[in-house]
Amino acid sequence: MPHNTNTNGNGLTQKEMLLMVLEGQDKLNERIDSLHEKVNAKISRQELAGWVVVVGTLSALSTQM
């Protein structure tokens, strides 16, 4: 039985396999972008602490007047 060098063990050509890998990479990149947007949309603990300090400072200044 001759072995076709243009296909791998599952009958796909190298080009077909490469296209599948690239498609999978595109899906991963989309998922990473989606997660990145979610992370950036949330306020961090440092930002929250900063705002608490600002509001507390303004509150203290306003009560001194």
C-alpha atoms as a PDB file:
ATOM      1  CA  MET A   1       0.000   0.000   0.000  1.00  0.00           C
ATOM      2  CA  PRO A   2       1.736   3.216  -1.114  1.00  0.00           C
ATOM      3  CA  HIS A   3       1.895   6.030   1.404  1.00  0.00           C
ATOM      4  CA  ASN A   4       0.786   9.436   0.133  1.00  0.00           C
ATOM      5  CA  THR A   5       3.354  11.976   1.337  1.00  0.00           C
ATOM      6  CA  ASN A   6       0.883  14.841   0.905  1.00  0.00           C
ATOM      7  CA  THR A   7      -1.335  13.654   3.742  1.00  0.00           C
ATOM      8  CA  ASN A   8      -0.717  12.807   7.361  1.00  0.00           C
ATOM      9  CA  GLY A   9      -2.121   9.863   9.277  1.00  0.00           C
ATOM     10  CA  ASN A  10      -5.677  11.219   9.400  1.00  0.00           C
ATOM     11  CA  GLY A  11      -5.988  11.875   5.654  1.00  0.00           C
ATOM     12  CA  LEU A  12      -5.601  15.646   5.782  1.00  0.00           C
ATOM     13  CA  THR A  13      -3.028  17.507   3.745  1.00  0.00           C
ATOM     14  CA  GLN A  14      -0.493  19.753   5.413  1.00  0.00           C
ATOM     15  CA  LYS A  15      -2.358  22.758   4.030  1.00  0.00           C
ATOM     16  CA  GLU A  16      -5.658  21.527   5.523  1.00  0.00           C
ATOM     17  CA  MET A  17      -3.987  20.934   8.888  1.00  0.00           C
ATOM     18  CA  LEU A  18      -2.375  24.374   8.792  1.00  0.00           C
ATOM     19  CA  LEU A  19      -5.729  25.996   8.021  1.00  0.00           C
ATOM     20  CA  MET A  20      -7.292  24.151  10.973  1.00  0.00           C
ATOM     21  CA  VAL A  21      -4.502  25.338  13.274  1.00  0.00           C
ATOM     22  CA  LEU A  22      -4.855  28.924  12.056  1.00  0.00           C
ATOM     23  CA  GLU A  23      -8.622  28.788  12.551  1.00  0.00           C
ATOM     24  CA  GLY A  24      -8.099  27.534  16.092  1.00  0.00           C
ATOM     25  CA  GLN A  25      -5.592  30.318  16.709  1.00  0.00           C
ATOM     26  CA  ASP A  26      -8.135  32.898  15.518  1.00  0.00           C
ATOM     27  CA  LYS A  27     -10.704  31.499  17.956  1.00  0.00           C
ATOM     28  CA  LEU A  28      -8.187  31.648  20.805  1.00  0.00           C
ATOM     29  CA  ASN A  29      -7.297  35.246  19.932  1.00  0.00           C
ATOM     30  CA  GLU A  30     -10.988  36.206  19.932  1.00  0.00           C
ATOM     31  CA  ARG A  31     -11.436  34.591  23.353  1.00  0.00           C
ATOM     32  CA  ILE A  32      -8.364  36.353  24.732  1.00  0.00           C
ATOM     33  CA  ASP A  33      -9.641  39.688  23.406  1.00  0.00           C
ATOM     34  CA  SER A  34     -13.029  39.055  25.013  1.00  0.00           C
ATOM     35  CA  LEU A  35     -11.464  38.223  28.382  1.00  0.00           C
ATOM     36  CA  HIS A  36      -9.143  41.230  28.116  1.00  0.00           C
ATOM     37  CA  GLU A  37     -12.133  43.531  27.599  1.00  0.00           C
ATOM     38  CA  LYS A  38     -13.894  42.041  30.632  1.00  0.00           C
ATOM     39  CA  VAL A  39     -10.834  42.527  32.826  1.00  0.00           C
ATOM     40  CA  ASN A  40     -10.393  46.128  31.690  1.00  0.00           C
ATOM     41  CA  ALA A  41     -14.074  46.896  32.320  1.00  0.00           C
ATOM     42  CA  LYS A  42     -13.814  46.034  36.022  1.00  0.00           C
ATOM     43  CA  ILE A  43     -12.441  48.516  38.530  1.00  0.00           C
ATOM     44  CA  SER A  44      -9.266  47.306  40.201  1.00  0.00           C
ATOM     45  CA  ARG A  45      -8.727  47.278  43.946  1.00  0.00           C
ATOM     46  CA  GLN A  46      -6.112  50.003  43.591  1.00  0.00           C
ATOM     47  CA  GLU A  47      -8.541  52.224  41.692  1.00  0.00           C
ATOM     48  CA  LEU A  48     -11.253  51.602  44.288  1.00  0.00           C
ATOM     49  CA  ALA A  49      -8.871  52.381  47.139  1.00  0.00           C
ATOM     50  CA  GLY A  50      -7.766  55.548  45.344  1.00  0.00           C
ATOM     51  CA  TRP A  51     -11.345  56.760  44.959  1.00  0.00           C
ATOM     52  CA  VAL A  52     -12.108  55.972  48.606  1.00  0.00           C
ATOM     53  CA  VAL A  53      -9.102  58.076  49.642  1.00  0.00           C
ATOM     54  CA  VAL A  54     -10.172  60.946  47.364  1.00  0.00           C
ATOM     55  CA  VAL A  55     -13.766  60.913  48.627  1.00  0.00           C
ATOM     56  CA  GLY A  56     -12.579  60.650  52.224  1.00  0.00           C
ATOM     57  CA  THR A  57     -10.167  63.538  51.756  1.00  0.00           C
ATOM     58  CA  LEU A  58     -12.828  65.726  50.146  1.00  0.00           C
ATOM     59  CA  SER A  59     -15.247  64.818  52.906  1.00  0.00           C
ATOM     60  CA  ALA A  60     -12.699  65.711  55.584  1.00  0.00           C
ATOM     61  CA  LEU A  61     -11.875  69.002  53.864  1.00  0.00           C
ATOM     62  CA  SER A  62     -15.539  69.922  53.567  1.00  0.00           C
ATOM     63  CA  THR A  63     -16.182  69.283  57.266  1.00  0.00           C
ATOM     64  CA  GLN A  64     -13.197  71.509  58.215  1.00  0.00           C
ATOM     65  CA  MET A  65     -14.741  74.497  56.459  1.00  0.00           C
END
